[in-house]
């Protein structure tokens, strides 16, 4: 903007000088200047003024061209860190039914030691018959049902295996309170028919029209395994049929043999 002002001043000075030369007679110049001479001088002055105006415009155009870009300035100091914001509100609980809420699947657990095996015992023996039943632990129970209508007898023994057997229970006649008799016995395996209900066990009288029961627990054992049996022995003779029934569960612990 300063360059533009300087050029305008120069143009003004040139025109002023030309006018002064035209009016020079007024300041003591010879008065003999003719009209033709004056016209010639005015024409020259106008040409000079036009040339000065052209030069001034060209100079102004060149002055508007931007110069080369200067080097970048130095970076200012870093700003200070803002204050830490307040802790946000706790979100809603994630429902286990939503797939996004389920965590990764855990590794499969290791296989544990096998638990004790359980065996259902369900034996029915008709009068005058015998039945053997293999149980866990390599033992075999033997059941015998015998006698006439007035002398029925149901017995139990361990026919095969090794080690020993212990048995305890309660004997009754027709489940009457006055006939309740506690009982316990033990034997080496194999054993005979070491426990029974019916005639002589405990009642030596007529068994016709009665039923006999004994229930409790029994343990079969050797150096490798132990088998525990919870049982119910039942002799049905109310219609003189003499049917023998044994119900229970055998559970083995220790080594499976």
C-alpha atoms as a PDB file:
ATOM      1  CA  UNK A   1       0.000   0.000   0.000  1.00  0.00           C
ATOM      2  CA  UNK A   2       2.938   2.407   0.675  1.00  0.00           C
ATOM      3  CA  UNK A   3       4.357   1.760  -2.844  1.00  0.00           C
ATOM      4  CA  UNK A   4       1.006   2.613  -4.415  1.00  0.00           C
ATOM      5  CA  UNK A   5       0.919   5.939  -2.552  1.00  0.00           C
ATOM      6  CA  UNK A   6       4.441   6.825  -3.662  1.00  0.00           C
ATOM      7  CA  UNK A   7       3.582   6.216  -7.348  1.00  0.00           C
ATOM      8  CA  UNK A   8       0.489   8.405  -7.123  1.00  0.00           C
ATOM      9  CA  UNK A   9       2.581  11.226  -5.619  1.00  0.00           C
ATOM     10  CA  UNK A  10       5.123  10.952  -8.468  1.00  0.00           C
ATOM     11  CA  UNK A  11       2.386  11.171 -11.101  1.00  0.00           C
ATOM     12  CA  UNK A  12       0.937  14.247  -9.450  1.00  0.00           C
ATOM     13  CA  UNK A  13       4.324  15.948  -9.325  1.00  0.00           C
ATOM     14  CA  UNK A  14       4.914  15.284 -13.043  1.00  0.00           C
ATOM     15  CA  UNK A  15       1.585  16.812 -14.049  1.00  0.00           C
ATOM     16  CA  UNK A  16       2.209  19.802 -11.756  1.00  0.00           C
ATOM     17  CA  UNK A  17       5.583  20.430 -13.340  1.00  0.00           C
ATOM     18  CA  UNK A  18       4.100  20.355 -16.820  1.00  0.00           C
ATOM     19  CA  UNK A  19       1.412  22.817 -15.897  1.00  0.00           C
ATOM     20  CA  UNK A  20       3.989  25.070 -14.341  1.00  0.00           C
ATOM     21  CA  UNK A  21       5.958  25.107 -17.580  1.00  0.00           C
ATOM     22  CA  UNK A  22       2.837  26.065 -19.477  1.00  0.00           C
ATOM     23  CA  UNK A  23       2.090  28.948 -17.198  1.00  0.00           C
ATOM     24  CA  UNK A  24       5.672  30.115 -16.953  1.00  0.00           C
ATOM     25  CA  UNK A  25       4.896  33.548 -18.536  1.00  0.00           C
ATOM     26  CA  UNK A  26       2.844  34.471 -15.546  1.00  0.00           C
ATOM     27  CA  UNK A  27       5.994  34.264 -13.445  1.00  0.00           C
ATOM     28  CA  UNK A  28       8.252  36.400 -15.640  1.00  0.00           C
ATOM     29  CA  UNK A  29       8.678  34.229 -18.819  1.00  0.00           C
ATOM     30  CA  UNK A  30       8.648  35.907 -22.188  1.00  0.00           C
ATOM     31  CA  UNK A  31       5.132  36.779 -23.355  1.00  0.00           C
ATOM     32  CA  UNK A  32       5.870  36.081 -26.994  1.00  0.00           C
ATOM     33  CA  UNK A  33       4.778  32.395 -26.746  1.00  0.00           C
ATOM     34  CA  UNK A  34       2.240  31.740 -29.481  1.00  0.00           C
ATOM     35  CA  UNK A  35      -0.974  29.836 -29.242  1.00  0.00           C
ATOM     36  CA  UNK A  36       0.405  27.120 -31.516  1.00  0.00           C
ATOM     37  CA  UNK A  37       3.460  26.725 -29.327  1.00  0.00           C
ATOM     38  CA  UNK A  38       1.254  26.512 -26.253  1.00  0.00           C
ATOM     39  CA  UNK A  39      -0.933  23.853 -27.819  1.00  0.00           C
ATOM     40  CA  UNK A  40       2.142  21.827 -28.723  1.00  0.00           C
ATOM     41  CA  UNK A  41       3.375  21.966 -25.167  1.00  0.00           C
ATOM     42  CA  UNK A  42      -0.050  20.945 -23.795  1.00  0.00           C
ATOM     43  CA  UNK A  43      -0.103  17.960 -26.123  1.00  0.00           C
ATOM     44  CA  UNK A  44       3.351  16.882 -24.971  1.00  0.00           C
ATOM     45  CA  UNK A  45       2.341  17.345 -21.351  1.00  0.00           C
ATOM     46  CA  UNK A  46      -0.703  15.124 -21.821  1.00  0.00           C
ATOM     47  CA  UNK A  47       1.414  12.418 -23.459  1.00  0.00           C
ATOM     48  CA  UNK A  48       3.879  12.551 -20.595  1.00  0.00           C
ATOM     49  CA  UNK A  49       0.999  12.369 -18.090  1.00  0.00           C
ATOM     50  CA  UNK A  50      -0.500   9.341 -19.844  1.00  0.00           C
ATOM     51  CA  UNK A  51       2.913   7.634 -19.890  1.00  0.00           C
ATOM     52  CA  UNK A  52       3.347   8.362 -16.208  1.00  0.00           C
ATOM     53  CA  UNK A  53      -0.117   6.969 -15.487  1.00  0.00           C
ATOM     54  CA  UNK A  54       0.673   3.786 -17.433  1.00  0.00           C
ATOM     55  CA  UNK A  55       3.947   3.330 -15.588  1.00  0.00           C
ATOM     56  CA  UNK A  56       2.217   3.883 -12.281  1.00  0.00           C
ATOM     57  CA  UNK A  57      -0.428   1.225 -13.060  1.00  0.00           C
ATOM     58  CA  UNK A  58       2.257  -1.253 -14.127  1.00  0.00           C
ATOM     59  CA  UNK A  59       4.198  -0.617 -10.942  1.00  0.00           C
ATOM     60  CA  UNK A  60       1.065  -1.139  -8.862  1.00  0.00           C
ATOM     61  CA  UNK A  61       0.344  -4.479 -10.616  1.00  0.00           C
ATOM     62  CA  UNK A  62       3.879  -5.680  -9.982  1.00  0.00           C
ATOM     63  CA  UNK A  63       3.608  -4.585  -6.340  1.00  0.00           C
ATOM     64  CA  UNK A  64       0.503  -6.819  -5.856  1.00  0.00           C
ATOM     65  CA  UNK A  65       2.398 -10.042  -6.771  1.00  0.00           C
ATOM     66  CA  UNK A  66       3.068 -11.926  -3.462  1.00  0.00           C
ATOM     67  CA  UNK A  67       6.671 -12.569  -2.552  1.00  0.00           C
ATOM     68  CA  UNK A  68       8.201 -15.952  -1.655  1.00  0.00           C
ATOM     69  CA  UNK A  69       6.872 -17.757   1.504  1.00  0.00           C
ATOM     70  CA  UNK A  70       8.993 -17.227   4.564  1.00  0.00           C
ATOM     71  CA  UNK A  71      10.283 -20.007   6.837  1.00  0.00           C
ATOM     72  CA  UNK A  72       7.766 -21.528   9.321  1.00  0.00           C
ATOM     73  CA  UNK A  73       7.669 -20.021  12.779  1.00  0.00           C
ATOM     74  CA  UNK A  74       8.669 -21.881  15.918  1.00  0.00           C
ATOM     75  CA  UNK A  75       6.036 -23.946  17.759  1.00  0.00           C
ATOM     76  CA  UNK A  76       4.468 -22.426  20.821  1.00  0.00           C
ATOM     77  CA  UNK A  77       4.718 -24.023  24.276  1.00  0.00           C
ATOM     78  CA  UNK A  78       2.417 -27.079  24.870  1.00  0.00           C
ATOM     79  CA  UNK A  79      -0.854 -26.410  26.628  1.00  0.00           C
ATOM     80  CA  UNK A  80      -1.504 -27.636  30.159  1.00  0.00           C
ATOM     81  CA  UNK A  81      -3.395 -30.956  30.677  1.00  0.00           C
ATOM     82  CA  UNK A  82      -7.085 -30.654  31.437  1.00  0.00           C
ATOM     83  CA  UNK A  83      -8.677 -31.813  34.697  1.00  0.00           C
ATOM     84  CA  UNK A  84      -9.764 -35.468  35.033  1.00  0.00           C
ATOM     85  CA  UNK A  85     -13.474 -35.947  34.456  1.00  0.00           C
ATOM     86  CA  UNK A  86     -15.895 -37.376  37.018  1.00  0.00           C
ATOM     87  CA  UNK A  87     -16.446 -41.158  37.187  1.00  0.00           C
ATOM     88  CA  UNK A  88     -19.343 -42.300  35.034  1.00  0.00           C
ATOM     89  CA  UNK A  89     -22.472 -43.964  36.379  1.00  0.00           C
ATOM     90  CA  UNK A  90     -22.494 -47.744  36.807  1.00  0.00           C
ATOM     91  CA  UNK A  91     -24.132 -49.528  33.884  1.00  0.00           C
ATOM     92  CA  UNK A  92     -27.056 -51.913  34.125  1.00  0.00           C
ATOM     93  CA  UNK A  93     -26.412 -55.523  35.101  1.00  0.00           C
ATOM     94  CA  UNK A  94     -25.701 -57.850  32.201  1.00  0.00           C
ATOM     95  CA  UNK A  95     -28.279 -60.635  31.892  1.00  0.00           C
ATOM     96  CA  UNK A  96     -26.981 -64.180  31.523  1.00  0.00           C
ATOM     97  CA  UNK A  97     -29.548 -64.751  28.762  1.00  0.00           C
ATOM     98  CA  UNK A  98     -27.754 -62.255  26.509  1.00  0.00           C
ATOM     99  CA  UNK A  99     -25.038 -63.864  24.336  1.00  0.00           C
ATOM    100  CA  UNK A 100     -22.729 -60.851  24.840  1.00  0.00           C
ATOM    101  CA  UNK A 101     -22.784 -61.422  28.594  1.00  0.00           C
ATOM    102  CA  UNK A 102     -21.554 -64.965  28.446  1.00  0.00           C
ATOM    103  CA  UNK A 103     -17.912 -65.461  29.235  1.00  0.00           C
ATOM    104  CA  UNK A 104     -15.627 -67.819  27.348  1.00  0.00           C
ATOM    105  CA  UNK A 105     -16.285 -71.493  27.775  1.00  0.00           C
ATOM    106  CA  UNK A 106     -14.090 -73.065  30.425  1.00  0.00           C
ATOM    107  CA  UNK A 107     -11.838 -76.023  29.902  1.00  0.00           C
ATOM    108  CA  UNK A 108     -13.396 -79.442  30.516  1.00  0.00           C
ATOM    109  CA  UNK A 109     -12.790 -80.840  33.975  1.00  0.00           C
ATOM    110  CA  UNK A 110     -10.627 -83.822  34.590  1.00  0.00           C
ATOM    111  CA  UNK A 111     -12.236 -87.206  34.955  1.00  0.00           C
ATOM    112  CA  UNK A 112     -12.625 -88.170  38.583  1.00  0.00           C
ATOM    113  CA  UNK A 113     -12.221 -91.586  40.136  1.00  0.00           C
ATOM    114  CA  UNK A 114     -15.164 -93.901  39.554  1.00  0.00           C
ATOM    115  CA  UNK A 115     -17.734 -93.816  42.338  1.00  0.00           C
ATOM    116  CA  UNK A 116     -19.092 -96.855  44.111  1.00  0.00           C
ATOM    117  CA  UNK A 117     -21.172 -99.190  41.971  1.00  0.00           C
ATOM    118  CA  UNK A 118     -24.735 -99.935  43.062  1.00  0.00           C
ATOM    119  CA  UNK A 119     -26.649-103.092  42.223  1.00  0.00           C
ATOM    120  CA  UNK A 120     -30.344-103.712  42.636  1.00  0.00           C
ATOM    121  CA  UNK A 121     -31.190-107.005  44.311  1.00  0.00           C
ATOM    122  CA  UNK A 122     -34.616-108.479  43.516  1.00  0.00           C
ATOM    123  CA  UNK A 123     -35.084-112.230  44.127  1.00  0.00           C
ATOM    124  CA  UNK A 124     -38.237-114.349  44.262  1.00  0.00           C
ATOM    125  CA  UNK A 125     -38.025-118.066  45.176  1.00  0.00           C
ATOM    126  CA  UNK A 126     -40.908-120.506  45.208  1.00  0.00           C
ATOM    127  CA  UNK A 127     -41.315-123.111  47.936  1.00  0.00           C
ATOM    128  CA  UNK A 128     -38.986-126.067  47.520  1.00  0.00           C
ATOM    129  CA  UNK A 129     -36.533-124.116  45.305  1.00  0.00           C
ATOM    130  CA  UNK A 130     -33.057-122.552  45.501  1.00  0.00           C
ATOM    131  CA  UNK A 131     -31.668-119.441  43.743  1.00  0.00           C
ATOM    132  CA  UNK A 132     -28.129-118.060  43.486  1.00  0.00           C
ATOM    133  CA  UNK A 133     -27.421-114.345  42.836  1.00  0.00           C
ATOM    134  CA  UNK A 134     -24.003-112.905  41.894  1.00  0.00           C
ATOM    135  CA  UNK A 135     -23.330-109.518  43.483  1.00  0.00           C
ATOM    136  CA  UNK A 136     -20.598-106.899  42.984  1.00  0.00           C
ATOM    137  CA  UNK A 137     -17.215-107.762  44.459  1.00  0.00           C
ATOM    138  CA  UNK A 138     -17.230-111.405  43.195  1.00  0.00           C
ATOM    139  CA  UNK A 139     -19.604-112.692  45.841  1.00  0.00           C
ATOM    140  CA  UNK A 140     -22.589-115.014  45.317  1.00  0.00           C
ATOM    141  CA  UNK A 141     -25.637-115.064  47.577  1.00  0.00           C
ATOM    142  CA  UNK A 142     -27.704-118.277  47.914  1.00  0.00           C
ATOM    143  CA  UNK A 143     -31.423-118.327  48.785  1.00  0.00           C
ATOM    144  CA  UNK A 144     -33.417-121.414  49.779  1.00  0.00           C
ATOM    145  CA  UNK A 145     -37.194-121.649  50.323  1.00  0.00           C
ATOM    146  CA  UNK A 146     -38.443-124.916  51.890  1.00  0.00           C
ATOM    147  CA  UNK A 147     -40.952-126.718  54.190  1.00  0.00           C
ATOM    148  CA  UNK A 148     -44.597-127.733  54.230  1.00  0.00           C
ATOM    149  CA  UNK A 149     -47.522-125.389  54.879  1.00  0.00           C
ATOM    150  CA  UNK A 150     -47.028-125.501  58.639  1.00  0.00           C
ATOM    151  CA  UNK A 151     -43.236-125.350  58.618  1.00  0.00           C
ATOM    152  CA  UNK A 152     -42.029-122.785  56.064  1.00  0.00           C
ATOM    153  CA  UNK A 153     -38.378-121.607  56.167  1.00  0.00           C
ATOM    154  CA  UNK A 154     -36.430-118.968  54.180  1.00  0.00           C
ATOM    155  CA  UNK A 155     -32.606-118.988  54.527  1.00  0.00           C
ATOM    156  CA  UNK A 156     -29.656-116.947  53.208  1.00  0.00           C
ATOM    157  CA  UNK A 157     -25.988-117.861  52.779  1.00  0.00           C
ATOM    158  CA  UNK A 158     -22.902-116.761  50.774  1.00  0.00           C
ATOM    159  CA  UNK A 159     -22.033-119.554  48.335  1.00  0.00           C
ATOM    160  CA  UNK A 160     -18.841-118.150  46.792  1.00  0.00           C
ATOM    161  CA  UNK A 161     -16.203-115.487  47.321  1.00  0.00           C
ATOM    162  CA  UNK A 162     -13.551-114.995  49.990  1.00  0.00           C
ATOM    163  CA  UNK A 163     -13.248-113.138  53.249  1.00  0.00           C
ATOM    164  CA  UNK A 164     -16.152-112.775  55.655  1.00  0.00           C
ATOM    165  CA  UNK A 165     -19.779-111.705  56.053  1.00  0.00           C
ATOM    166  CA  UNK A 166     -21.491-109.884  58.940  1.00  0.00           C
ATOM    167  CA  UNK A 167     -25.231-109.348  59.133  1.00  0.00           C
ATOM    168  CA  UNK A 168     -27.581-107.565  61.503  1.00  0.00           C
ATOM    169  CA  UNK A 169     -31.291-106.890  61.473  1.00  0.00           C
ATOM    170  CA  UNK A 170     -34.691-107.168  63.132  1.00  0.00           C
ATOM    171  CA  UNK A 171     -36.939-110.267  62.850  1.00  0.00           C
ATOM    172  CA  UNK A 172     -40.733-110.011  63.187  1.00  0.00           C
ATOM    173  CA  UNK A 173     -43.786-112.284  62.834  1.00  0.00           C
ATOM    174  CA  UNK A 174     -46.548-110.586  60.832  1.00  0.00           C
ATOM    175  CA  UNK A 175     -44.953-107.210  61.787  1.00  0.00           C
ATOM    176  CA  UNK A 176     -46.495-107.317  65.281  1.00  0.00           C
ATOM    177  CA  UNK A 177     -44.652-105.270  67.943  1.00  0.00           C
ATOM    178  CA  UNK A 178     -44.511-108.109  70.444  1.00  0.00           C
ATOM    179  CA  UNK A 179     -42.713-110.397  67.973  1.00  0.00           C
ATOM    180  CA  UNK A 180     -39.785-108.054  67.221  1.00  0.00           C
ATOM    181  CA  UNK A 181     -36.425-109.781  67.807  1.00  0.00           C
ATOM    182  CA  UNK A 182     -32.981-108.194  67.111  1.00  0.00           C
ATOM    183  CA  UNK A 183     -30.544-110.484  65.321  1.00  0.00           C
ATOM    184  CA  UNK A 184     -26.837-110.463  64.381  1.00  0.00           C
ATOM    185  CA  UNK A 185     -24.567-113.113  62.869  1.00  0.00           C
ATOM    186  CA  UNK A 186     -21.267-113.514  61.037  1.00  0.00           C
ATOM    187  CA  UNK A 187     -19.454-116.235  59.078  1.00  0.00           C
ATOM    188  CA  UNK A 188     -16.483-116.955  56.853  1.00  0.00           C
ATOM    189  CA  UNK A 189     -17.020-117.028  53.107  1.00  0.00           C
ATOM    190  CA  UNK A 190     -18.120-119.376  51.659  1.00  0.00           C
ATOM    191  CA  UNK A 191     -20.707-119.868  54.334  1.00  0.00           C
ATOM    192  CA  UNK A 192     -23.670-122.177  54.883  1.00  0.00           C
ATOM    193  CA  UNK A 193     -27.248-120.922  55.190  1.00  0.00           C
ATOM    194  CA  UNK A 194     -26.299-118.983  58.294  1.00  0.00           C
ATOM    195  CA  UNK A 195     -29.459-116.847  58.700  1.00  0.00           C
ATOM    196  CA  UNK A 196     -33.176-117.591  58.232  1.00  0.00           C
ATOM    197  CA  UNK A 197     -36.795-116.636  59.033  1.00  0.00           C
ATOM    198  CA  UNK A 198     -39.783-118.905  59.539  1.00  0.00           C
ATOM    199  CA  UNK A 199     -40.206-122.067  61.565  1.00  0.00           C
ATOM    200  CA  UNK A 200     -37.689-122.156  64.420  1.00  0.00           C
ATOM    201  CA  UNK A 201     -36.316-118.718  63.422  1.00  0.00           C
ATOM    202  CA  UNK A 202     -37.647-117.404  65.712  1.00  0.00           C
ATOM    203  CA  UNK A 203     -40.976-119.210  66.157  1.00  0.00           C
ATOM    204  CA  UNK A 204     -40.998-123.049  66.432  1.00  0.00           C
ATOM    205  CA  UNK A 205     -44.787-123.097  66.081  1.00  0.00           C
ATOM    206  CA  UNK A 206     -47.031-123.509  63.053  1.00  0.00           C
ATOM    207  CA  UNK A 207     -46.256-120.994  60.228  1.00  0.00           C
ATOM    208  CA  UNK A 208     -49.572-121.435  58.417  1.00  0.00           C
ATOM    209  CA  UNK A 209     -51.437-118.148  57.902  1.00  0.00           C
ATOM    210  CA  UNK A 210     -48.494-115.962  58.946  1.00  0.00           C
ATOM    211  CA  UNK A 211     -45.732-113.923  57.251  1.00  0.00           C
ATOM    212  CA  UNK A 212     -42.187-113.406  58.479  1.00  0.00           C
ATOM    213  CA  UNK A 213     -39.764-110.498  57.890  1.00  0.00           C
ATOM    214  CA  UNK A 214     -36.188-109.508  58.623  1.00  0.00           C
ATOM    215  CA  UNK A 215     -34.545-106.298  57.423  1.00  0.00           C
ATOM    216  CA  UNK A 216     -31.210-104.638  58.143  1.00  0.00           C
ATOM    217  CA  UNK A 217     -27.716-104.492  56.607  1.00  0.00           C
ATOM    218  CA  UNK A 218     -25.004-106.936  55.618  1.00  0.00           C
ATOM    219  CA  UNK A 219     -21.290-106.462  54.867  1.00  0.00           C
ATOM    220  CA  UNK A 220     -19.229-108.713  52.572  1.00  0.00           C
ATOM    221  CA  UNK A 221     -15.505-108.024  52.651  1.00  0.00           C
ATOM    222  CA  UNK A 222     -12.032-109.286  51.759  1.00  0.00           C
ATOM    223  CA  UNK A 223      -8.610-107.685  51.344  1.00  0.00           C
ATOM    224  CA  UNK A 224      -9.579-105.871  48.151  1.00  0.00           C
ATOM    225  CA  UNK A 225     -13.165-104.698  48.457  1.00  0.00           C
ATOM    226  CA  UNK A 226     -16.138-104.110  50.726  1.00  0.00           C
ATOM    227  CA  UNK A 227     -19.764-104.630  49.678  1.00  0.00           C
ATOM    228  CA  UNK A 228     -22.570-103.217  51.808  1.00  0.00           C
ATOM    229  CA  UNK A 229     -26.091-104.572  51.305  1.00  0.00           C
ATOM    230  CA  UNK A 230     -29.272-103.015  52.659  1.00  0.00           C
ATOM    231  CA  UNK A 231     -31.947-105.712  52.491  1.00  0.00           C
ATOM    232  CA  UNK A 232     -35.455-106.923  53.357  1.00  0.00           C
ATOM    233  CA  UNK A 233     -36.153-110.696  53.610  1.00  0.00           C
ATOM    234  CA  UNK A 234     -39.837-111.728  53.448  1.00  0.00           C
ATOM    235  CA  UNK A 235     -41.562-115.139  53.806  1.00  0.00           C
ATOM    236  CA  UNK A 236     -45.194-115.104  52.671  1.00  0.00           C
ATOM    237  CA  UNK A 237     -47.346-117.949  54.090  1.00  0.00           C
ATOM    238  CA  UNK A 238     -50.702-116.306  54.830  1.00  0.00           C
ATOM    239  CA  UNK A 239     -52.308-118.453  52.133  1.00  0.00           C
ATOM    240  CA  UNK A 240     -49.903-121.342  52.833  1.00  0.00           C
ATOM    241  CA  UNK A 241     -48.058-120.620  49.550  1.00  0.00           C
ATOM    242  CA  UNK A 242     -44.580-120.386  51.126  1.00  0.00           C
ATOM    243  CA  UNK A 243     -43.151-117.734  48.713  1.00  0.00           C
ATOM    244  CA  UNK A 244     -39.711-116.277  49.614  1.00  0.00           C
ATOM    245  CA  UNK A 245     -38.712-112.699  48.573  1.00  0.00           C
ATOM    246  CA  UNK A 246     -35.444-110.732  48.933  1.00  0.00           C
ATOM    247  CA  UNK A 247     -35.132-107.022  48.044  1.00  0.00           C
ATOM    248  CA  UNK A 248     -32.200-104.680  48.499  1.00  0.00           C
ATOM    249  CA  UNK A 249     -29.247-102.728  47.089  1.00  0.00           C
ATOM    250  CA  UNK A 250     -25.550-103.702  47.058  1.00  0.00           C
ATOM    251  CA  UNK A 251     -22.881-100.946  46.963  1.00  0.00           C
ATOM    252  CA  UNK A 252     -19.201-101.720  46.442  1.00  0.00           C
ATOM    253  CA  UNK A 253     -16.236 -99.622  47.603  1.00  0.00           C
ATOM    254  CA  UNK A 254     -12.512-100.149  47.270  1.00  0.00           C
ATOM    255  CA  UNK A 255     -11.043-101.943  44.258  1.00  0.00           C
ATOM    256  CA  UNK A 256     -13.499-103.128  41.634  1.00  0.00           C
ATOM    257  CA  UNK A 257     -12.925-106.898  41.383  1.00  0.00           C
END
